[in-house]
């Protein structure tokens, strides 16, 4: 594969059974792929490149409760305080390919998936929450909240 896994704070996904880890695959060009690792041996099993390529920064991962998808938030930084491109990608864990992508008009910070796996709640700067359909990432609703760094959804 030519690159070795490297993580930043908050950039690590773990499968529901704990058997697999999801991390950015680091190269001198940036976080260019998402790697799936065996959690026992730490061997890279497979990887997938994001839509924009190696100039993107992966800010976080969110695993769907059904364990069928991973949602990757990414942006291209243009300076320390701004960004030029941002998007959310849905990676199907069966095929380990990007099956849906959506450009967002803000820097994405966090995402949470409803327990039924139907909706993804996406937070970011400058504020608010976008409610997305989990399959095609279409916008179902927008909730104005002001700046919101993190989000969590109760399973009850």
N, C-alpha and C. Protein backbone atom coordinates (compact mmCIF):
# COMPACT_ATOMS: atom_id res chain seq x y z
N UNK A 1 0.83 -1.19 0.00
CA UNK A 1 0.00 0.00 0.00
C UNK A 1 0.87 1.25 0.00
N UNK A 2 2.08 1.19 0.55
CA UNK A 2 2.98 2.32 0.47
C UNK A 2 2.80 3.38 1.53
N UNK A 3 1.86 3.23 2.41
CA UNK A 3 1.68 4.20 3.48
C UNK A 3 1.36 3.45 4.76
N UNK A 4 1.60 4.10 5.87
CA UNK A 4 1.31 3.45 7.13
C UNK A 4 0.25 4.23 7.87
N UNK A 5 -0.58 3.54 8.65
CA UNK A 5 -1.65 4.22 9.35
C UNK A 5 -1.11 5.21 10.37
N UNK A 6 -1.80 6.30 10.49
CA UNK A 6 -1.46 7.32 11.48
C UNK A 6 -2.75 7.99 11.90
N UNK A 7 -2.89 8.29 13.17
CA UNK A 7 -4.13 8.91 13.61
C UNK A 7 -3.88 10.24 14.28
N UNK A 8 -4.91 11.09 14.20
CA UNK A 8 -4.97 12.33 14.95
C UNK A 8 -6.04 12.13 16.00
N UNK A 9 -6.10 12.98 16.99
CA UNK A 9 -7.13 12.89 18.00
C UNK A 9 -8.50 12.93 17.35
N UNK A 10 -9.35 11.98 17.71
CA UNK A 10 -10.71 11.96 17.19
C UNK A 10 -10.86 11.31 15.84
N UNK A 11 -9.78 10.78 15.26
CA UNK A 11 -9.88 10.19 13.94
C UNK A 11 -9.58 8.69 14.05
N UNK A 12 -10.55 7.96 14.58
CA UNK A 12 -10.43 6.52 14.72
C UNK A 12 -11.83 5.94 14.78
N UNK A 13 -12.08 4.93 13.98
CA UNK A 13 -13.36 4.24 14.03
C UNK A 13 -13.13 2.80 14.44
N UNK A 14 -14.07 2.23 15.18
CA UNK A 14 -14.00 0.85 15.63
C UNK A 14 -15.30 0.17 15.23
N UNK A 15 -15.21 -1.01 14.63
CA UNK A 15 -16.41 -1.74 14.25
C UNK A 15 -17.19 -2.16 15.49
N UNK A 16 -18.49 -2.43 15.32
CA UNK A 16 -19.35 -2.76 16.46
C UNK A 16 -18.89 -4.02 17.18
N UNK A 17 -18.24 -4.94 16.49
CA UNK A 17 -17.75 -6.16 17.13
C UNK A 17 -16.31 -6.02 17.62
N UNK A 18 -15.69 -4.86 17.37
CA UNK A 18 -14.33 -4.61 17.82
C UNK A 18 -13.25 -5.28 16.99
N UNK A 19 -13.62 -5.96 15.91
CA UNK A 19 -12.65 -6.71 15.11
C UNK A 19 -11.86 -5.85 14.14
N UNK A 20 -12.40 -4.66 13.80
CA UNK A 20 -11.73 -3.83 12.81
C UNK A 20 -11.61 -2.40 13.30
N UNK A 21 -10.53 -1.75 12.84
CA UNK A 21 -10.28 -0.34 13.12
C UNK A 21 -10.28 0.40 11.79
N UNK A 22 -10.72 1.66 11.81
CA UNK A 22 -10.72 2.50 10.61
C UNK A 22 -9.92 3.76 10.93
N UNK A 23 -8.85 3.98 10.15
CA UNK A 23 -7.95 5.10 10.40
C UNK A 23 -7.55 5.75 9.08
N UNK A 24 -7.11 7.02 9.14
CA UNK A 24 -6.52 7.60 7.93
C UNK A 24 -5.22 6.90 7.62
N UNK A 25 -4.95 6.69 6.35
CA UNK A 25 -3.68 6.12 5.93
C UNK A 25 -2.81 7.31 5.55
N UNK A 26 -1.75 7.51 6.26
CA UNK A 26 -0.95 8.72 6.17
C UNK A 26 0.18 8.58 5.15
N UNK A 27 0.36 9.64 4.38
CA UNK A 27 1.51 9.74 3.48
C UNK A 27 2.03 11.17 3.58
N UNK A 28 3.20 11.48 3.04
CA UNK A 28 3.70 12.85 3.10
C UNK A 28 2.76 13.87 2.46
N UNK A 29 1.87 13.41 1.57
CA UNK A 29 0.93 14.32 0.91
C UNK A 29 -0.29 14.64 1.76
N UNK A 30 -0.53 13.90 2.82
CA UNK A 30 -1.72 14.13 3.64
C UNK A 30 -2.46 12.83 3.89
N UNK A 31 -3.65 12.95 4.45
CA UNK A 31 -4.47 11.78 4.74
C UNK A 31 -5.17 11.39 3.45
N UNK A 32 -4.58 10.43 2.73
CA UNK A 32 -5.03 10.15 1.39
C UNK A 32 -6.01 9.00 1.27
N UNK A 33 -6.19 8.21 2.30
CA UNK A 33 -7.10 7.07 2.22
C UNK A 33 -7.61 6.72 3.60
N UNK A 34 -8.65 5.91 3.61
CA UNK A 34 -9.15 5.34 4.86
C UNK A 34 -8.71 3.88 4.84
N UNK A 35 -8.02 3.45 5.89
CA UNK A 35 -7.56 2.07 5.97
C UNK A 35 -8.40 1.30 6.98
N UNK A 36 -8.70 0.06 6.63
CA UNK A 36 -9.37 -0.87 7.55
C UNK A 36 -8.29 -1.80 8.07
N UNK A 37 -8.16 -1.87 9.38
CA UNK A 37 -7.13 -2.69 10.02
C UNK A 37 -7.77 -3.79 10.85
N UNK A 38 -7.10 -4.94 10.92
CA UNK A 38 -7.48 -5.98 11.85
C UNK A 38 -7.09 -5.49 13.24
N UNK A 39 -8.02 -5.48 14.20
CA UNK A 39 -7.73 -4.90 15.51
C UNK A 39 -6.81 -5.78 16.36
N UNK A 40 -6.58 -7.01 15.97
CA UNK A 40 -5.67 -7.89 16.70
C UNK A 40 -4.24 -7.80 16.18
N UNK A 41 -4.10 -7.82 14.85
CA UNK A 41 -2.76 -7.83 14.24
C UNK A 41 -2.32 -6.45 13.76
N UNK A 42 -3.27 -5.53 13.63
CA UNK A 42 -3.03 -4.18 13.10
C UNK A 42 -2.56 -4.19 11.65
N UNK A 43 -2.82 -5.27 10.95
CA UNK A 43 -2.51 -5.35 9.53
C UNK A 43 -3.59 -4.63 8.73
N UNK A 44 -3.16 -3.92 7.69
CA UNK A 44 -4.11 -3.24 6.81
C UNK A 44 -4.80 -4.29 5.94
N UNK A 45 -6.13 -4.32 6.02
CA UNK A 45 -6.92 -5.28 5.25
C UNK A 45 -7.30 -4.73 3.88
N UNK A 46 -7.67 -3.45 3.84
CA UNK A 46 -8.04 -2.78 2.59
C UNK A 46 -8.12 -1.29 2.84
N UNK A 47 -8.19 -0.52 1.75
CA UNK A 47 -8.28 0.93 1.90
C UNK A 47 -9.16 1.50 0.79
N UNK A 48 -9.63 2.71 1.03
CA UNK A 48 -10.46 3.41 0.05
C UNK A 48 -10.02 4.87 0.04
N UNK A 49 -9.94 5.44 -1.16
CA UNK A 49 -9.57 6.85 -1.29
C UNK A 49 -10.83 7.70 -1.24
N UNK A 50 -10.74 8.88 -0.64
CA UNK A 50 -11.89 9.78 -0.60
C UNK A 50 -12.13 10.39 -1.98
N UNK A 51 -13.22 11.11 -2.10
CA UNK A 51 -13.58 11.71 -3.38
C UNK A 51 -12.57 12.75 -3.83
N UNK A 52 -12.14 13.64 -2.93
CA UNK A 52 -11.25 14.73 -3.31
C UNK A 52 -9.79 14.33 -3.41
N UNK A 53 -9.38 13.24 -2.80
CA UNK A 53 -7.99 12.81 -2.91
C UNK A 53 -7.12 13.28 -1.76
N UNK A 54 -5.83 13.33 -2.01
CA UNK A 54 -4.86 13.49 -0.94
C UNK A 54 -4.80 14.87 -0.32
N UNK A 55 -5.46 15.87 -0.90
CA UNK A 55 -5.39 17.20 -0.30
C UNK A 55 -6.43 17.41 0.79
N UNK A 56 -7.23 16.39 1.07
CA UNK A 56 -8.27 16.53 2.08
C UNK A 56 -7.74 16.17 3.45
N UNK A 57 -8.34 16.75 4.48
CA UNK A 57 -8.06 16.43 5.86
C UNK A 57 -9.29 15.71 6.39
N UNK A 58 -9.12 14.50 6.94
CA UNK A 58 -10.24 13.78 7.52
C UNK A 58 -10.41 14.27 8.94
N UNK A 59 -11.54 14.87 9.21
CA UNK A 59 -11.76 15.44 10.53
C UNK A 59 -12.31 14.41 11.51
N UNK A 60 -13.16 13.51 11.05
CA UNK A 60 -13.74 12.53 11.96
C UNK A 60 -14.36 11.38 11.18
N UNK A 61 -14.64 10.31 11.89
CA UNK A 61 -15.37 9.17 11.35
C UNK A 61 -16.62 8.98 12.19
N UNK A 62 -17.67 8.50 11.59
CA UNK A 62 -18.85 8.10 12.33
C UNK A 62 -19.32 6.78 11.76
N UNK A 63 -19.50 5.79 12.60
CA UNK A 63 -19.97 4.49 12.14
C UNK A 63 -21.48 4.40 12.32
N UNK A 64 -22.18 3.91 11.31
CA UNK A 64 -23.61 3.70 11.42
C UNK A 64 -23.88 2.59 12.42
N UNK A 65 -24.99 2.70 13.13
CA UNK A 65 -25.32 1.70 14.14
C UNK A 65 -25.53 0.32 13.51
N UNK A 66 -25.92 0.28 12.25
CA UNK A 66 -26.12 -1.00 11.57
C UNK A 66 -24.78 -1.63 11.18
N UNK A 67 -23.70 -0.88 11.33
CA UNK A 67 -22.34 -1.32 11.00
C UNK A 67 -22.17 -1.60 9.51
N UNK A 68 -23.04 -1.04 8.67
CA UNK A 68 -22.92 -1.23 7.22
C UNK A 68 -22.20 -0.08 6.54
N UNK A 69 -22.06 1.05 7.21
CA UNK A 69 -21.45 2.23 6.60
C UNK A 69 -20.57 2.96 7.58
N UNK A 70 -19.60 3.65 7.03
CA UNK A 70 -18.81 4.60 7.79
C UNK A 70 -18.96 5.94 7.07
N UNK A 71 -19.11 7.01 7.83
CA UNK A 71 -19.27 8.35 7.28
C UNK A 71 -18.00 9.13 7.56
N UNK A 72 -17.41 9.68 6.52
CA UNK A 72 -16.13 10.37 6.63
C UNK A 72 -16.36 11.85 6.36
N UNK A 73 -15.96 12.69 7.30
CA UNK A 73 -16.04 14.14 7.15
C UNK A 73 -14.68 14.62 6.72
N UNK A 74 -14.64 15.41 5.67
CA UNK A 74 -13.36 15.85 5.15
C UNK A 74 -13.45 17.29 4.65
N UNK A 75 -12.31 17.95 4.67
CA UNK A 75 -12.23 19.32 4.16
C UNK A 75 -10.81 19.60 3.70
N UNK A 76 -10.69 20.58 2.84
CA UNK A 76 -9.39 21.04 2.38
C UNK A 76 -9.10 22.37 3.08
N UNK A 77 -8.11 22.40 3.95
CA UNK A 77 -7.81 23.66 4.62
C UNK A 77 -7.09 24.62 3.67
N UNK A 78 -7.50 25.90 3.72
CA UNK A 78 -6.80 26.91 2.93
C UNK A 78 -5.94 27.78 3.83
N UNK A 79 -6.24 27.78 5.11
CA UNK A 79 -5.43 28.45 6.12
C UNK A 79 -5.82 27.84 7.45
N UNK A 80 -5.24 28.31 8.52
CA UNK A 80 -5.56 27.76 9.84
C UNK A 80 -6.99 28.07 10.26
N UNK A 81 -7.60 29.10 9.67
CA UNK A 81 -8.92 29.51 10.13
C UNK A 81 -10.02 29.32 9.10
N UNK A 82 -9.71 28.73 7.95
CA UNK A 82 -10.75 28.58 6.95
C UNK A 82 -10.53 27.31 6.13
N UNK A 83 -11.43 27.04 5.21
CA UNK A 83 -11.33 25.88 4.37
C UNK A 83 -11.82 26.25 2.97
N UNK A 84 -11.48 25.46 1.97
CA UNK A 84 -11.92 25.77 0.61
C UNK A 84 -12.95 24.78 0.08
N UNK A 85 -12.89 23.52 0.51
CA UNK A 85 -13.84 22.50 0.08
C UNK A 85 -14.16 21.62 1.28
N UNK A 86 -15.40 21.16 1.35
CA UNK A 86 -15.77 20.25 2.43
C UNK A 86 -16.84 19.30 1.93
N UNK A 87 -16.84 18.10 2.51
CA UNK A 87 -17.85 17.12 2.11
C UNK A 87 -17.98 16.03 3.16
N UNK A 88 -19.03 15.25 2.99
CA UNK A 88 -19.23 14.03 3.77
C UNK A 88 -19.33 12.89 2.75
N UNK A 89 -18.66 11.79 3.04
CA UNK A 89 -18.69 10.61 2.18
C UNK A 89 -19.27 9.45 2.97
N UNK A 90 -20.03 8.60 2.29
CA UNK A 90 -20.51 7.35 2.90
C UNK A 90 -19.75 6.21 2.25
N UNK A 91 -19.06 5.44 3.07
CA UNK A 91 -18.30 4.29 2.61
C UNK A 91 -19.07 3.04 3.01
N UNK A 92 -19.43 2.22 2.04
CA UNK A 92 -20.10 0.95 2.30
C UNK A 92 -19.05 -0.02 2.82
N UNK A 93 -19.29 -0.60 4.00
CA UNK A 93 -18.30 -1.48 4.60
C UNK A 93 -18.26 -2.87 3.96
N UNK A 94 -19.30 -3.23 3.21
CA UNK A 94 -19.27 -4.51 2.50
C UNK A 94 -18.32 -4.47 1.31
N UNK A 95 -18.41 -3.41 0.53
CA UNK A 95 -17.56 -3.27 -0.66
C UNK A 95 -16.35 -2.38 -0.42
N UNK A 96 -16.35 -1.64 0.67
CA UNK A 96 -15.32 -0.66 1.04
C UNK A 96 -15.06 0.33 -0.09
N UNK A 97 -16.16 0.87 -0.60
CA UNK A 97 -16.10 1.90 -1.63
C UNK A 97 -16.96 3.08 -1.20
N UNK A 98 -16.62 4.25 -1.73
CA UNK A 98 -17.45 5.44 -1.51
C UNK A 98 -18.68 5.29 -2.37
N UNK A 99 -19.86 5.23 -1.75
CA UNK A 99 -21.11 5.02 -2.48
C UNK A 99 -21.98 6.26 -2.52
N UNK A 100 -21.66 7.26 -1.70
CA UNK A 100 -22.39 8.53 -1.73
C UNK A 100 -21.48 9.62 -1.20
N UNK A 101 -21.60 10.82 -1.78
CA UNK A 101 -20.82 11.98 -1.34
C UNK A 101 -21.69 13.21 -1.44
N UNK A 102 -21.45 14.15 -0.56
CA UNK A 102 -22.19 15.41 -0.59
C UNK A 102 -21.25 16.53 -0.20
N UNK A 103 -21.21 17.57 -1.03
CA UNK A 103 -20.47 18.78 -0.69
C UNK A 103 -21.28 19.54 0.35
N UNK A 104 -20.60 20.08 1.34
CA UNK A 104 -21.26 20.91 2.35
C UNK A 104 -20.63 22.29 2.32
N UNK A 105 -21.41 23.31 2.68
CA UNK A 105 -20.94 24.69 2.59
C UNK A 105 -20.39 25.20 3.92
N UNK A 106 -19.86 24.30 4.72
CA UNK A 106 -19.25 24.67 5.99
C UNK A 106 -18.21 23.62 6.34
N UNK A 107 -17.36 23.92 7.31
CA UNK A 107 -16.37 22.94 7.75
C UNK A 107 -17.07 21.94 8.67
N UNK A 108 -17.15 20.67 8.28
CA UNK A 108 -17.82 19.68 9.12
C UNK A 108 -16.99 19.34 10.34
N UNK A 109 -17.66 19.24 11.49
CA UNK A 109 -16.97 18.94 12.74
C UNK A 109 -17.29 17.56 13.29
N UNK A 110 -18.57 17.17 13.24
CA UNK A 110 -18.95 15.90 13.85
C UNK A 110 -20.20 15.38 13.15
N UNK A 111 -20.44 14.10 13.29
CA UNK A 111 -21.65 13.48 12.74
C UNK A 111 -22.09 12.37 13.68
N UNK A 112 -23.39 12.15 13.71
CA UNK A 112 -23.97 11.06 14.48
C UNK A 112 -25.06 10.43 13.64
N UNK A 113 -25.20 9.12 13.78
CA UNK A 113 -26.19 8.37 13.01
C UNK A 113 -27.28 7.90 13.96
N UNK A 114 -28.54 8.02 13.53
CA UNK A 114 -29.65 7.56 14.36
C UNK A 114 -29.56 6.05 14.55
N UNK A 115 -30.11 5.54 15.66
CA UNK A 115 -30.04 4.09 15.93
C UNK A 115 -30.64 3.23 14.81
N UNK A 116 -31.63 3.75 14.10
CA UNK A 116 -32.22 2.97 13.00
C UNK A 116 -31.42 3.09 11.71
N UNK A 117 -30.35 3.92 11.72
CA UNK A 117 -29.48 4.08 10.56
C UNK A 117 -30.07 4.90 9.43
N UNK A 118 -31.19 5.58 9.65
CA UNK A 118 -31.87 6.31 8.58
C UNK A 118 -31.36 7.74 8.37
N UNK A 119 -30.87 8.39 9.43
CA UNK A 119 -30.46 9.79 9.34
C UNK A 119 -29.05 9.98 9.90
N UNK A 120 -28.36 10.96 9.32
CA UNK A 120 -27.05 11.39 9.80
C UNK A 120 -27.19 12.85 10.20
N UNK A 121 -26.80 13.19 11.41
CA UNK A 121 -26.82 14.57 11.89
C UNK A 121 -25.39 15.10 11.79
N UNK A 122 -25.21 16.17 11.04
CA UNK A 122 -23.90 16.72 10.73
C UNK A 122 -23.76 18.12 11.31
N UNK A 123 -22.74 18.32 12.15
CA UNK A 123 -22.49 19.65 12.73
C UNK A 123 -21.28 20.27 12.05
N UNK A 124 -21.15 21.60 12.20
CA UNK A 124 -20.00 22.27 11.63
C UNK A 124 -19.97 23.74 11.94
N UNK A 125 -18.98 24.39 11.38
CA UNK A 125 -18.79 25.82 11.56
C UNK A 125 -19.29 26.52 10.30
N UNK A 126 -20.07 27.58 10.39
CA UNK A 126 -20.25 28.46 11.53
C UNK A 126 -21.36 28.07 12.49
N UNK A 127 -22.17 27.06 12.21
CA UNK A 127 -23.18 26.64 13.17
C UNK A 127 -24.36 25.97 12.52
N UNK A 128 -25.09 25.22 13.33
CA UNK A 128 -26.26 24.52 12.84
C UNK A 128 -25.99 23.04 12.65
N UNK A 129 -27.09 22.33 12.38
CA UNK A 129 -27.04 20.90 12.16
C UNK A 129 -27.77 20.59 10.87
N UNK A 130 -27.14 19.84 9.99
CA UNK A 130 -27.83 19.35 8.80
C UNK A 130 -28.25 17.92 9.08
N UNK A 131 -29.52 17.62 8.80
CA UNK A 131 -30.04 16.27 8.93
C UNK A 131 -30.04 15.66 7.53
N UNK A 132 -29.29 14.59 7.35
CA UNK A 132 -29.12 13.99 6.04
C UNK A 132 -29.75 12.60 5.98
N UNK A 133 -30.27 12.23 4.82
CA UNK A 133 -30.68 10.86 4.56
C UNK A 133 -29.40 10.03 4.53
N UNK A 134 -29.35 8.95 5.29
CA UNK A 134 -28.09 8.20 5.42
C UNK A 134 -27.66 7.48 4.15
N UNK A 135 -28.58 7.19 3.25
CA UNK A 135 -28.21 6.45 2.04
C UNK A 135 -27.61 7.34 0.95
N UNK A 136 -28.32 8.42 0.58
CA UNK A 136 -27.85 9.27 -0.52
C UNK A 136 -27.30 10.61 -0.04
N UNK A 137 -27.34 10.86 1.27
CA UNK A 137 -26.83 12.08 1.90
C UNK A 137 -27.58 13.34 1.48
N UNK A 138 -28.81 13.19 0.99
CA UNK A 138 -29.63 14.37 0.68
C UNK A 138 -30.05 15.04 1.98
N UNK A 139 -30.25 16.36 1.93
CA UNK A 139 -30.62 17.13 3.12
C UNK A 139 -32.11 16.93 3.40
N UNK A 140 -32.42 16.43 4.60
CA UNK A 140 -33.80 16.23 5.02
C UNK A 140 -34.29 17.42 5.84
N UNK A 141 -33.37 18.10 6.55
CA UNK A 141 -33.73 19.23 7.40
C UNK A 141 -32.46 19.97 7.80
N UNK A 142 -32.64 21.21 8.23
CA UNK A 142 -31.56 22.02 8.78
C UNK A 142 -32.06 22.58 10.11
N UNK A 143 -31.26 22.41 11.15
CA UNK A 143 -31.60 22.91 12.48
C UNK A 143 -30.61 24.00 12.83
N UNK A 144 -31.09 25.22 13.02
CA UNK A 144 -30.21 26.33 13.36
C UNK A 144 -29.93 26.31 14.86
N UNK A 145 -28.65 26.20 15.22
CA UNK A 145 -28.27 26.09 16.62
C UNK A 145 -27.20 27.07 17.04
N UNK A 146 -26.49 27.66 16.11
CA UNK A 146 -25.27 28.38 16.45
C UNK A 146 -24.13 27.37 16.45
N UNK A 147 -22.91 27.80 16.77
CA UNK A 147 -21.75 26.90 16.73
C UNK A 147 -21.97 25.66 17.61
N UNK A 148 -21.67 24.51 17.05
CA UNK A 148 -21.87 23.24 17.74
C UNK A 148 -20.77 22.29 17.31
N UNK A 149 -19.85 21.98 18.19
CA UNK A 149 -18.68 21.17 17.85
C UNK A 149 -18.98 19.67 17.78
N UNK A 150 -19.81 19.17 18.68
CA UNK A 150 -20.06 17.72 18.77
C UNK A 150 -21.54 17.44 18.81
N UNK A 151 -21.87 16.18 18.51
CA UNK A 151 -23.27 15.75 18.57
C UNK A 151 -23.29 14.27 18.96
N UNK A 152 -24.32 13.89 19.70
CA UNK A 152 -24.52 12.49 20.08
C UNK A 152 -26.02 12.23 20.02
N UNK A 153 -26.37 10.99 19.75
CA UNK A 153 -27.77 10.59 19.67
C UNK A 153 -28.00 9.47 20.66
N UNK A 154 -29.05 9.60 21.45
CA UNK A 154 -29.40 8.57 22.42
C UNK A 154 -29.92 7.34 21.71
N UNK A 155 -29.63 6.19 22.26
CA UNK A 155 -30.15 4.94 21.67
C UNK A 155 -31.51 4.57 22.25
N UNK A 156 -32.02 5.36 23.17
CA UNK A 156 -33.34 5.08 23.78
C UNK A 156 -34.41 5.91 23.12
